[in-house]
């Protein structure tokens, strides 16, 4: 059973809302901002790690597949793509917050 299934049950389908994301981070999940570095510098959720979705494949070695991740972007499109990409690379505990405003 995955980290997120344990935390929220099977019905979340990998999507989390703000309170769920905050709870996951409090329980050790890593917050991953997949916006550009410029967007991240302009305003990010404190404590988030920034790897732009365009760089994710090249930088995937910076991430630990045994850890849990909550992924976000500006509006949800890039976070959905990044979540799928991480899962394709064997990351099992990945949740999609969608846009930063959902925090």
PDB file of N, CA and C in Angstrom:
ATOM      1  N   UNK A   1       0.839  -1.176   0.000  1.00  0.00           N
ATOM      2  CA  UNK A   1       0.000   0.000   0.000  1.00  0.00           C
ATOM      3  C   UNK A   1       0.888   1.244   0.000  1.00  0.00           C
ATOM      4  N   UNK A   2       0.549   2.236  -0.833  1.00  0.00           N
ATOM      5  CA  UNK A   2       1.381   3.423  -0.969  1.00  0.00           C
ATOM      6  C   UNK A   2       1.170   4.400   0.177  1.00  0.00           C
ATOM      7  N   UNK A   3       2.096   5.313   0.292  1.00  0.00           N
ATOM      8  CA  UNK A   3       2.044   6.367   1.293  1.00  0.00           C
ATOM      9  C   UNK A   3       0.719   7.123   1.218  1.00  0.00           C
ATOM     10  N   UNK A   4       0.307   7.522   0.007  1.00  0.00           N
ATOM     11  CA  UNK A   4      -0.897   8.319  -0.147  1.00  0.00           C
ATOM     12  C   UNK A   4      -2.162   7.503   0.083  1.00  0.00           C
ATOM     13  N   UNK A   5      -2.143   6.236  -0.295  1.00  0.00           N
ATOM     14  CA  UNK A   5      -3.286   5.378  -0.011  1.00  0.00           C
ATOM     15  C   UNK A   5      -3.441   5.214   1.495  1.00  0.00           C
ATOM     16  N   UNK A   6      -2.327   5.038   2.202  1.00  0.00           N
ATOM     17  CA  UNK A   6      -2.379   4.945   3.658  1.00  0.00           C
ATOM     18  C   UNK A   6      -2.920   6.231   4.268  1.00  0.00           C
ATOM     19  N   UNK A   7      -2.523   7.366   3.722  1.00  0.00           N
ATOM     20  CA  UNK A   7      -2.902   8.652   4.286  1.00  0.00           C
ATOM     21  C   UNK A   7      -4.337   9.038   3.953  1.00  0.00           C
ATOM     22  N   UNK A   8      -4.766   8.798   2.701  1.00  0.00           N
ATOM     23  CA  UNK A   8      -6.056   9.313   2.253  1.00  0.00           C
ATOM     24  C   UNK A   8      -7.033   8.256   1.756  1.00  0.00           C
ATOM     25  N   UNK A   9      -6.619   7.009   1.652  1.00  0.00           N
ATOM     26  CA  UNK A   9      -7.483   5.976   1.111  1.00  0.00           C
ATOM     27  C   UNK A   9      -7.298   5.830  -0.388  1.00  0.00           C
ATOM     28  N   UNK A  10      -7.912   4.837  -0.944  1.00  0.00           N
ATOM     29  CA  UNK A  10      -7.710   4.491  -2.354  1.00  0.00           C
ATOM     30  C   UNK A  10      -8.403   5.443  -3.314  1.00  0.00           C
ATOM     31  N   UNK A  11      -9.331   6.243  -2.854  1.00  0.00           N
ATOM     32  CA  UNK A  11     -10.155   7.045  -3.758  1.00  0.00           C
ATOM     33  C   UNK A  11      -9.477   8.305  -4.289  1.00  0.00           C
ATOM     34  N   UNK A  12      -8.283   8.647  -3.820  1.00  0.00           N
ATOM     35  CA  UNK A  12      -7.706   9.920  -4.236  1.00  0.00           C
ATOM     36  C   UNK A  12      -7.150   9.911  -5.660  1.00  0.00           C
ATOM     37  N   UNK A  13      -6.881   8.756  -6.248  1.00  0.00           N
ATOM     38  CA  UNK A  13      -6.386   8.645  -7.626  1.00  0.00           C
ATOM     39  C   UNK A  13      -5.153   9.501  -7.894  1.00  0.00           C
ATOM     40  N   UNK A  14      -4.384   9.774  -6.877  1.00  0.00           N
ATOM     41  CA  UNK A  14      -3.165  10.544  -7.052  1.00  0.00           C
ATOM     42  C   UNK A  14      -3.356  12.042  -7.005  1.00  0.00           C
ATOM     43  N   UNK A  15      -4.586  12.503  -6.882  1.00  0.00           N
ATOM     44  CA  UNK A  15      -4.867  13.932  -6.781  1.00  0.00           C
ATOM     45  C   UNK A  15      -5.089  14.296  -5.315  1.00  0.00           C
ATOM     46  N   UNK A  16      -4.507  15.411  -4.907  1.00  0.00           N
ATOM     47  CA  UNK A  16      -4.703  15.869  -3.529  1.00  0.00           C
ATOM     48  C   UNK A  16      -5.129  17.330  -3.534  1.00  0.00           C
ATOM     49  N   UNK A  17      -5.873  17.715  -2.508  1.00  0.00           N
ATOM     50  CA  UNK A  17      -6.236  19.118  -2.338  1.00  0.00           C
ATOM     51  C   UNK A  17      -5.243  19.763  -1.362  1.00  0.00           C
ATOM     52  N   UNK A  18      -5.412  21.028  -1.083  1.00  0.00           N
ATOM     53  CA  UNK A  18      -4.486  21.751  -0.222  1.00  0.00           C
ATOM     54  C   UNK A  18      -4.299  21.133   1.152  1.00  0.00           C
ATOM     55  N   UNK A  19      -5.377  20.880   1.898  1.00  0.00           N
ATOM     56  CA  UNK A  19      -5.205  20.274   3.221  1.00  0.00           C
ATOM     57  C   UNK A  19      -4.522  18.902   3.165  1.00  0.00           C
ATOM     58  N   UNK A  20      -4.854  18.105   2.159  1.00  0.00           N
ATOM     59  CA  UNK A  20      -4.204  16.801   2.014  1.00  0.00           C
ATOM     60  C   UNK A  20      -2.724  16.956   1.691  1.00  0.00           C
ATOM     61  N   UNK A  21      -2.403  17.913   0.822  1.00  0.00           N
ATOM     62  CA  UNK A  21      -1.004  18.149   0.463  1.00  0.00           C
ATOM     63  C   UNK A  21      -0.211  18.598   1.687  1.00  0.00           C
ATOM     64  N   UNK A  22      -0.769  19.511   2.478  1.00  0.00           N
ATOM     65  CA  UNK A  22      -0.073  19.985   3.682  1.00  0.00           C
ATOM     66  C   UNK A  22       0.131  18.846   4.666  1.00  0.00           C
ATOM     67  N   UNK A  23      -0.874  17.984   4.814  1.00  0.00           N
ATOM     68  CA  UNK A  23      -0.746  16.825   5.700  1.00  0.00           C
ATOM     69  C   UNK A  23       0.344  15.879   5.196  1.00  0.00           C
ATOM     70  N   UNK A  24       0.374  15.645   3.895  1.00  0.00           N
ATOM     71  CA  UNK A  24       1.396  14.764   3.317  1.00  0.00           C
ATOM     72  C   UNK A  24       2.790  15.324   3.577  1.00  0.00           C
ATOM     73  N   UNK A  25       2.967  16.633   3.375  1.00  0.00           N
ATOM     74  CA  UNK A  25       4.271  17.256   3.614  1.00  0.00           C
ATOM     75  C   UNK A  25       4.630  17.174   5.097  1.00  0.00           C
ATOM     76  N   UNK A  26       3.668  17.384   5.977  1.00  0.00           N
ATOM     77  CA  UNK A  26       3.921  17.244   7.419  1.00  0.00           C
ATOM     78  C   UNK A  26       4.357  15.824   7.761  1.00  0.00           C
ATOM     79  N   UNK A  27       3.898  14.861   6.965  1.00  0.00           N
ATOM     80  CA  UNK A  27       4.238  13.455   7.188  1.00  0.00           C
ATOM     81  C   UNK A  27       5.451  13.006   6.380  1.00  0.00           C
ATOM     82  N   UNK A  28       6.189  13.960   5.800  1.00  0.00           N
ATOM     83  CA  UNK A  28       7.449  13.627   5.150  1.00  0.00           C
ATOM     84  C   UNK A  28       7.502  13.694   3.646  1.00  0.00           C
ATOM     85  N   UNK A  29       6.394  13.965   2.971  1.00  0.00           N
ATOM     86  CA  UNK A  29       6.427  14.076   1.515  1.00  0.00           C
ATOM     87  C   UNK A  29       7.220  15.318   1.105  1.00  0.00           C
ATOM     88  N   UNK A  30       7.864  15.222  -0.031  1.00  0.00           N
ATOM     89  CA  UNK A  30       8.643  16.327  -0.583  1.00  0.00           C
ATOM     90  C   UNK A  30       7.758  17.102  -1.549  1.00  0.00           C
ATOM     91  N   UNK A  31       7.744  18.407  -1.403  1.00  0.00           N
ATOM     92  CA  UNK A  31       6.969  19.277  -2.272  1.00  0.00           C
ATOM     93  C   UNK A  31       7.820  19.620  -3.488  1.00  0.00           C
ATOM     94  N   UNK A  32       7.358  19.262  -4.675  1.00  0.00           N
ATOM     95  CA  UNK A  32       8.114  19.446  -5.903  1.00  0.00           C
ATOM     96  C   UNK A  32       7.410  20.444  -6.815  1.00  0.00           C
ATOM     97  N   UNK A  33       8.051  21.587  -7.026  1.00  0.00           N
ATOM     98  CA  UNK A  33       7.555  22.654  -7.891  1.00  0.00           C
ATOM     99  C   UNK A  33       8.140  22.420  -9.282  1.00  0.00           C
ATOM    100  N   UNK A  34       7.293  22.152 -10.278  1.00  0.00           N
ATOM    101  CA  UNK A  34       7.789  21.850 -11.622  1.00  0.00           C
ATOM    102  C   UNK A  34       7.648  23.043 -12.572  1.00  0.00           C
ATOM    103  N   UNK A  35       7.513  24.242 -12.008  1.00  0.00           N
ATOM    104  CA  UNK A  35       7.510  25.462 -12.816  1.00  0.00           C
ATOM    105  C   UNK A  35       8.953  25.839 -13.155  1.00  0.00           C
ATOM    106  N   UNK A  36       9.118  26.861 -13.960  1.00  0.00           N
ATOM    107  CA  UNK A  36      10.456  27.322 -14.316  1.00  0.00           C
ATOM    108  C   UNK A  36      11.138  27.946 -13.093  1.00  0.00           C
ATOM    109  N   UNK A  37      12.471  28.000 -13.097  1.00  0.00           N
ATOM    110  CA  UNK A  37      13.169  28.657 -11.983  1.00  0.00           C
ATOM    111  C   UNK A  37      12.708  30.101 -11.780  1.00  0.00           C
ATOM    112  N   UNK A  38      12.419  30.822 -12.861  1.00  0.00           N
ATOM    113  CA  UNK A  38      11.954  32.202 -12.739  1.00  0.00           C
ATOM    114  C   UNK A  38      10.601  32.272 -12.026  1.00  0.00           C
ATOM    115  N   UNK A  39       9.698  31.354 -12.362  1.00  0.00           N
ATOM    116  CA  UNK A  39       8.398  31.309 -11.686  1.00  0.00           C
ATOM    117  C   UNK A  39       8.585  30.972 -10.213  1.00  0.00           C
ATOM    118  N   UNK A  40       9.463  30.025  -9.945  1.00  0.00           N
ATOM    119  CA  UNK A  40       9.721  29.600  -8.565  1.00  0.00           C
ATOM    120  C   UNK A  40      10.273  30.761  -7.740  1.00  0.00           C
ATOM    121  N   UNK A  41      11.231  31.499  -8.315  1.00  0.00           N
ATOM    122  CA  UNK A  41      11.825  32.638  -7.612  1.00  0.00           C
ATOM    123  C   UNK A  41      10.808  33.744  -7.362  1.00  0.00           C
ATOM    124  N   UNK A  42       9.833  33.879  -8.249  1.00  0.00           N
ATOM    125  CA  UNK A  42       8.819  34.922  -8.111  1.00  0.00           C
ATOM    126  C   UNK A  42       7.842  34.624  -6.976  1.00  0.00           C
ATOM    127  N   UNK A  43       7.778  33.386  -6.536  1.00  0.00           N
ATOM    128  CA  UNK A  43       6.886  33.018  -5.440  1.00  0.00           C
ATOM    129  C   UNK A  43       6.601  31.536  -5.439  1.00  0.00           C
ATOM    130  N   UNK A  44       7.045  30.871  -4.399  1.00  0.00           N
ATOM    131  CA  UNK A  44       6.875  29.418  -4.305  1.00  0.00           C
ATOM    132  C   UNK A  44       6.403  29.046  -2.905  1.00  0.00           C
ATOM    133  N   UNK A  45       5.907  27.861  -2.776  1.00  0.00           N
ATOM    134  CA  UNK A  45       5.534  27.342  -1.466  1.00  0.00           C
ATOM    135  C   UNK A  45       6.834  27.099  -0.695  1.00  0.00           C
ATOM    136  N   UNK A  46       6.948  27.655   0.502  1.00  0.00           N
ATOM    137  CA  UNK A  46       8.193  27.484   1.268  1.00  0.00           C
ATOM    138  C   UNK A  46       8.568  26.015   1.440  1.00  0.00           C
ATOM    139  N   UNK A  47       9.854  25.746   1.231  1.00  0.00           N
ATOM    140  CA  UNK A  47      10.370  24.394   1.390  1.00  0.00           C
ATOM    141  C   UNK A  47      10.286  23.522   0.155  1.00  0.00           C
ATOM    142  N   UNK A  48       9.717  24.062  -0.930  1.00  0.00           N
ATOM    143  CA  UNK A  48       9.579  23.236  -2.133  1.00  0.00           C
ATOM    144  C   UNK A  48      10.898  23.141  -2.882  1.00  0.00           C
ATOM    145  N   UNK A  49      11.073  22.012  -3.558  1.00  0.00           N
ATOM    146  CA  UNK A  49      12.226  21.781  -4.429  1.00  0.00           C
ATOM    147  C   UNK A  49      11.777  22.108  -5.841  1.00  0.00           C
ATOM    148  N   UNK A  50      12.603  22.839  -6.580  1.00  0.00           N
ATOM    149  CA  UNK A  50      12.237  23.256  -7.927  1.00  0.00           C
ATOM    150  C   UNK A  50      13.025  22.491  -8.972  1.00  0.00           C
ATOM    151  N   UNK A  51      12.306  21.748  -9.801  1.00  0.00           N
ATOM    152  CA  UNK A  51      12.855  21.146 -11.016  1.00  0.00           C
ATOM    153  C   UNK A  51      11.797  21.356 -12.092  1.00  0.00           C
ATOM    154  N   UNK A  52      12.108  22.194 -13.068  1.00  0.00           N
ATOM    155  CA  UNK A  52      11.147  22.474 -14.140  1.00  0.00           C
ATOM    156  C   UNK A  52      10.793  21.176 -14.862  1.00  0.00           C
ATOM    157  N   UNK A  53       9.548  21.035 -15.254  1.00  0.00           N
ATOM    158  CA  UNK A  53       9.094  19.814 -15.910  1.00  0.00           C
ATOM    159  C   UNK A  53       9.930  19.511 -17.148  1.00  0.00           C
ATOM    160  N   UNK A  54      10.401  20.553 -17.840  1.00  0.00           N
ATOM    161  CA  UNK A  54      11.215  20.355 -19.040  1.00  0.00           C
ATOM    162  C   UNK A  54      12.559  19.713 -18.704  1.00  0.00           C
ATOM    163  N   UNK A  55      13.016  19.844 -17.475  1.00  0.00           N
ATOM    164  CA  UNK A  55      14.311  19.310 -17.041  1.00  0.00           C
ATOM    165  C   UNK A  55      14.171  18.022 -16.236  1.00  0.00           C
ATOM    166  N   UNK A  56      12.954  17.591 -15.996  1.00  0.00           N
ATOM    167  CA  UNK A  56      12.722  16.499 -15.048  1.00  0.00           C
ATOM    168  C   UNK A  56      13.414  15.196 -15.448  1.00  0.00           C
ATOM    169  N   UNK A  57      13.345  14.805 -16.689  1.00  0.00           N
ATOM    170  CA  UNK A  57      13.989  13.558 -17.111  1.00  0.00           C
ATOM    171  C   UNK A  57      15.499  13.651 -16.897  1.00  0.00           C
ATOM    172  N   UNK A  58      16.090  14.768 -17.291  1.00  0.00           N
ATOM    173  CA  UNK A  58      17.537  14.934 -17.152  1.00  0.00           C
ATOM    174  C   UNK A  58      17.984  15.003 -15.692  1.00  0.00           C
ATOM    175  N   UNK A  59      17.100  15.455 -14.821  1.00  0.00           N
ATOM    176  CA  UNK A  59      17.476  15.645 -13.413  1.00  0.00           C
ATOM    177  C   UNK A  59      16.815  14.631 -12.477  1.00  0.00           C
ATOM    178  N   UNK A  60      16.209  13.603 -13.031  1.00  0.00           N
ATOM    179  CA  UNK A  60      15.467  12.645 -12.214  1.00  0.00           C
ATOM    180  C   UNK A  60      16.357  11.960 -11.170  1.00  0.00           C
ATOM    181  N   UNK A  61      17.646  11.882 -11.440  1.00  0.00           N
ATOM    182  CA  UNK A  61      18.584  11.294 -10.493  1.00  0.00           C
ATOM    183  C   UNK A  61      18.722  12.091  -9.211  1.00  0.00           C
ATOM    184  N   UNK A  62      18.239  13.329  -9.198  1.00  0.00           N
ATOM    185  CA  UNK A  62      18.259  14.151  -7.984  1.00  0.00           C
ATOM    186  C   UNK A  62      17.147  13.757  -7.013  1.00  0.00           C
ATOM    187  N   UNK A  63      16.218  12.941  -7.488  1.00  0.00           N
ATOM    188  CA  UNK A  63      15.068  12.544  -6.683  1.00  0.00           C
ATOM    189  C   UNK A  63      15.206  11.090  -6.255  1.00  0.00           C
ATOM    190  N   UNK A  64      14.713  10.792  -5.080  1.00  0.00           N
ATOM    191  CA  UNK A  64      14.774   9.447  -4.517  1.00  0.00           C
ATOM    192  C   UNK A  64      13.440   8.742  -4.769  1.00  0.00           C
ATOM    193  N   UNK A  65      13.414   7.683  -5.566  1.00  0.00           N
ATOM    194  CA  UNK A  65      12.145   7.015  -5.870  1.00  0.00           C
ATOM    195  C   UNK A  65      11.490   6.340  -4.666  1.00  0.00           C
ATOM    196  N   UNK A  66      12.194   6.229  -3.562  1.00  0.00           N
ATOM    197  CA  UNK A  66      11.593   5.638  -2.365  1.00  0.00           C
ATOM    198  C   UNK A  66      10.867   6.676  -1.513  1.00  0.00           C
ATOM    199  N   UNK A  67      11.005   7.948  -1.853  1.00  0.00           N
ATOM    200  CA  UNK A  67      10.352   9.030  -1.108  1.00  0.00           C
ATOM    201  C   UNK A  67       8.978   9.327  -1.699  1.00  0.00           C
ATOM    202  N   UNK A  68       8.203  10.098  -0.969  1.00  0.00           N
ATOM    203  CA  UNK A  68       6.881  10.537  -1.413  1.00  0.00           C
ATOM    204  C   UNK A  68       6.969  11.986  -1.887  1.00  0.00           C
ATOM    205  N   UNK A  69       6.225  12.315  -2.938  1.00  0.00           N
ATOM    206  CA  UNK A  69       6.266  13.643  -3.544  1.00  0.00           C
ATOM    207  C   UNK A  69       4.861  14.194  -3.752  1.00  0.00           C
ATOM    208  N   UNK A  70       4.719  15.488  -3.509  1.00  0.00           N
ATOM    209  CA  UNK A  70       3.533  16.240  -3.895  1.00  0.00           C
ATOM    210  C   UNK A  70       4.005  17.238  -4.944  1.00  0.00           C
ATOM    211  N   UNK A  71       3.446  17.149  -6.149  1.00  0.00           N
ATOM    212  CA  UNK A  71       3.898  17.928  -7.293  1.00  0.00           C
ATOM    213  C   UNK A  71       2.909  19.063  -7.563  1.00  0.00           C
ATOM    214  N   UNK A  72       3.462  20.264  -7.859  1.00  0.00           N
ATOM    215  CA  UNK A  72       2.591  21.377  -8.239  1.00  0.00           C
ATOM    216  C   UNK A  72       3.236  22.238  -9.315  1.00  0.00           C
ATOM    217  N   UNK A  73       2.404  23.053  -9.965  1.00  0.00           N
ATOM    218  CA  UNK A  73       2.863  23.999 -10.983  1.00  0.00           C
ATOM    219  C   UNK A  73       2.005  25.259 -10.871  1.00  0.00           C
ATOM    220  N   UNK A  74       1.783  25.957 -11.962  1.00  0.00           N
ATOM    221  CA  UNK A  74       0.970  27.175 -11.915  1.00  0.00           C
ATOM    222  C   UNK A  74      -0.528  26.859 -11.955  1.00  0.00           C
ATOM    223  N   UNK A  75      -0.920  25.974 -12.877  1.00  0.00           N
ATOM    224  CA  UNK A  75      -2.356  25.738 -13.033  1.00  0.00           C
ATOM    225  C   UNK A  75      -2.767  24.270 -13.059  1.00  0.00           C
ATOM    226  N   UNK A  76      -1.819  23.357 -13.130  1.00  0.00           N
ATOM    227  CA  UNK A  76      -2.149  21.934 -13.077  1.00  0.00           C
ATOM    228  C   UNK A  76      -1.704  21.100 -14.262  1.00  0.00           C
ATOM    229  N   UNK A  77      -1.462  21.712 -15.403  1.00  0.00           N
ATOM    230  CA  UNK A  77      -1.061  20.945 -16.584  1.00  0.00           C
ATOM    231  C   UNK A  77       0.323  20.330 -16.442  1.00  0.00           C
ATOM    232  N   UNK A  78       1.284  21.132 -16.039  1.00  0.00           N
ATOM    233  CA  UNK A  78       2.657  20.622 -15.905  1.00  0.00           C
ATOM    234  C   UNK A  78       2.777  19.652 -14.737  1.00  0.00           C
ATOM    235  N   UNK A  79       2.022  19.884 -13.669  1.00  0.00           N
ATOM    236  CA  UNK A  79       2.104  18.952 -12.533  1.00  0.00           C
ATOM    237  C   UNK A  79       1.535  17.588 -12.915  1.00  0.00           C
ATOM    238  N   UNK A  80       0.474  17.572 -13.722  1.00  0.00           N
ATOM    239  CA  UNK A  80      -0.086  16.299 -14.183  1.00  0.00           C
ATOM    240  C   UNK A  80       0.925  15.563 -15.056  1.00  0.00           C
ATOM    241  N   UNK A  81       1.591  16.296 -15.961  1.00  0.00           N
ATOM    242  CA  UNK A  81       2.597  15.674 -16.832  1.00  0.00           C
ATOM    243  C   UNK A  81       3.778  15.161 -16.010  1.00  0.00           C
ATOM    244  N   UNK A  82       4.223  15.947 -15.033  1.00  0.00           N
ATOM    245  CA  UNK A  82       5.355  15.546 -14.187  1.00  0.00           C
ATOM    246  C   UNK A  82       5.001  14.342 -13.326  1.00  0.00           C
ATOM    247  N   UNK A  83       3.782  14.315 -12.800  1.00  0.00           N
ATOM    248  CA  UNK A  83       3.336  13.179 -11.987  1.00  0.00           C
ATOM    249  C   UNK A  83       3.354  11.902 -12.823  1.00  0.00           C
ATOM    250  N   UNK A  84       2.832  11.971 -14.038  1.00  0.00           N
ATOM    251  CA  UNK A  84       2.827  10.800 -14.930  1.00  0.00           C
ATOM    252  C   UNK A  84       4.249  10.374 -15.261  1.00  0.00           C
ATOM    253  N   UNK A  85       5.117  11.325 -15.528  1.00  0.00           N
ATOM    254  CA  UNK A  85       6.497  11.023 -15.870  1.00  0.00           C
ATOM    255  C   UNK A  85       7.220  10.344 -14.702  1.00  0.00           C
ATOM    256  N   UNK A  86       7.017  10.865 -13.502  1.00  0.00           N
ATOM    257  CA  UNK A  86       7.644  10.244 -12.331  1.00  0.00           C
ATOM    258  C   UNK A  86       7.153   8.804 -12.157  1.00  0.00           C
ATOM    259  N   UNK A  87       5.877   8.586 -12.334  1.00  0.00           N
ATOM    260  CA  UNK A  87       5.329   7.222 -12.209  1.00  0.00           C
ATOM    261  C   UNK A  87       5.920   6.303 -13.277  1.00  0.00           C
ATOM    262  N   UNK A  88       6.109   6.812 -14.485  1.00  0.00           N
ATOM    263  CA  UNK A  88       6.720   6.018 -15.560  1.00  0.00           C
ATOM    264  C   UNK A  88       8.148   5.621 -15.220  1.00  0.00           C
ATOM    265  N   UNK A  89       8.793   6.417 -14.375  1.00  0.00           N
ATOM    266  CA  UNK A  89      10.171   6.136 -13.960  1.00  0.00           C
ATOM    267  C   UNK A  89      10.234   5.395 -12.624  1.00  0.00           C
ATOM    268  N   UNK A  90       9.129   4.814 -12.200  1.00  0.00           N
ATOM    269  CA  UNK A  90       9.130   3.952 -11.028  1.00  0.00           C
ATOM    270  C   UNK A  90       8.839   4.608  -9.701  1.00  0.00           C
ATOM    271  N   UNK A  91       8.490   5.888  -9.703  1.00  0.00           N
ATOM    272  CA  UNK A  91       8.121   6.562  -8.460  1.00  0.00           C
ATOM    273  C   UNK A  91       6.679   6.177  -8.136  1.00  0.00           C
ATOM    274  N   UNK A  92       6.472   5.543  -6.987  1.00  0.00           N
ATOM    275  CA  UNK A  92       5.145   5.038  -6.660  1.00  0.00           C
ATOM    276  C   UNK A  92       4.339   5.989  -5.788  1.00  0.00           C
ATOM    277  N   UNK A  93       5.001   6.816  -5.025  1.00  0.00           N
ATOM    278  CA  UNK A  93       4.313   7.694  -4.078  1.00  0.00           C
ATOM    279  C   UNK A  93       4.375   9.140  -4.557  1.00  0.00           C
ATOM    280  N   UNK A  94       3.541   9.432  -5.545  1.00  0.00           N
ATOM    281  CA  UNK A  94       3.501  10.755  -6.154  1.00  0.00           C
ATOM    282  C   UNK A  94       2.050  11.217  -6.186  1.00  0.00           C
ATOM    283  N   UNK A  95       1.818  12.420  -5.693  1.00  0.00           N
ATOM    284  CA  UNK A  95       0.480  13.002  -5.729  1.00  0.00           C
ATOM    285  C   UNK A  95       0.540  14.336  -6.453  1.00  0.00           C
ATOM    286  N   UNK A  96      -0.532  14.674  -7.107  1.00  0.00           N
ATOM    287  CA  UNK A  96      -0.634  15.901  -7.907  1.00  0.00           C
ATOM    288  C   UNK A  96      -1.531  16.896  -7.186  1.00  0.00           C
ATOM    289  N   UNK A  97      -0.932  18.021  -6.755  1.00  0.00           N
ATOM    290  CA  UNK A  97      -1.691  19.103  -6.146  1.00  0.00           C
ATOM    291  C   UNK A  97      -2.354  19.979  -7.213  1.00  0.00           C
ATOM    292  N   UNK A  98      -1.784  19.985  -8.401  1.00  0.00           N
ATOM    293  CA  UNK A  98      -2.276  20.876  -9.445  1.00  0.00           C
ATOM    294  C   UNK A  98      -1.596  22.229  -9.322  1.00  0.00           C
ATOM    295  N   UNK A  99      -2.378  23.290  -9.381  1.00  0.00           N
ATOM    296  CA  UNK A  99      -1.817  24.631  -9.322  1.00  0.00           C
ATOM    297  C   UNK A  99      -1.423  25.068  -7.940  1.00  0.00           C
ATOM    298  N   UNK A 100      -0.453  25.964  -7.882  1.00  0.00           N
ATOM    299  CA  UNK A 100       0.071  26.485  -6.617  1.00  0.00           C
ATOM    300  C   UNK A 100      -1.035  27.121  -5.768  1.00  0.00           C
ATOM    301  N   UNK A 101      -2.042  27.655  -6.414  1.00  0.00           N
ATOM    302  CA  UNK A 101      -3.155  28.268  -5.695  1.00  0.00           C
ATOM    303  C   UNK A 101      -3.972  27.269  -4.883  1.00  0.00           C
ATOM    304  N   UNK A 102      -3.818  25.985  -5.170  1.00  0.00           N
ATOM    305  CA  UNK A 102      -4.548  24.953  -4.407  1.00  0.00           C
ATOM    306  C   UNK A 102      -3.944  24.711  -3.038  1.00  0.00           C
ATOM    307  N   UNK A 103      -2.738  25.198  -2.815  1.00  0.00           N
ATOM    308  CA  UNK A 103      -2.043  24.971  -1.548  1.00  0.00           C
ATOM    309  C   UNK A 103      -2.860  25.535  -0.383  1.00  0.00           C
TER     310      UNK A 103
END
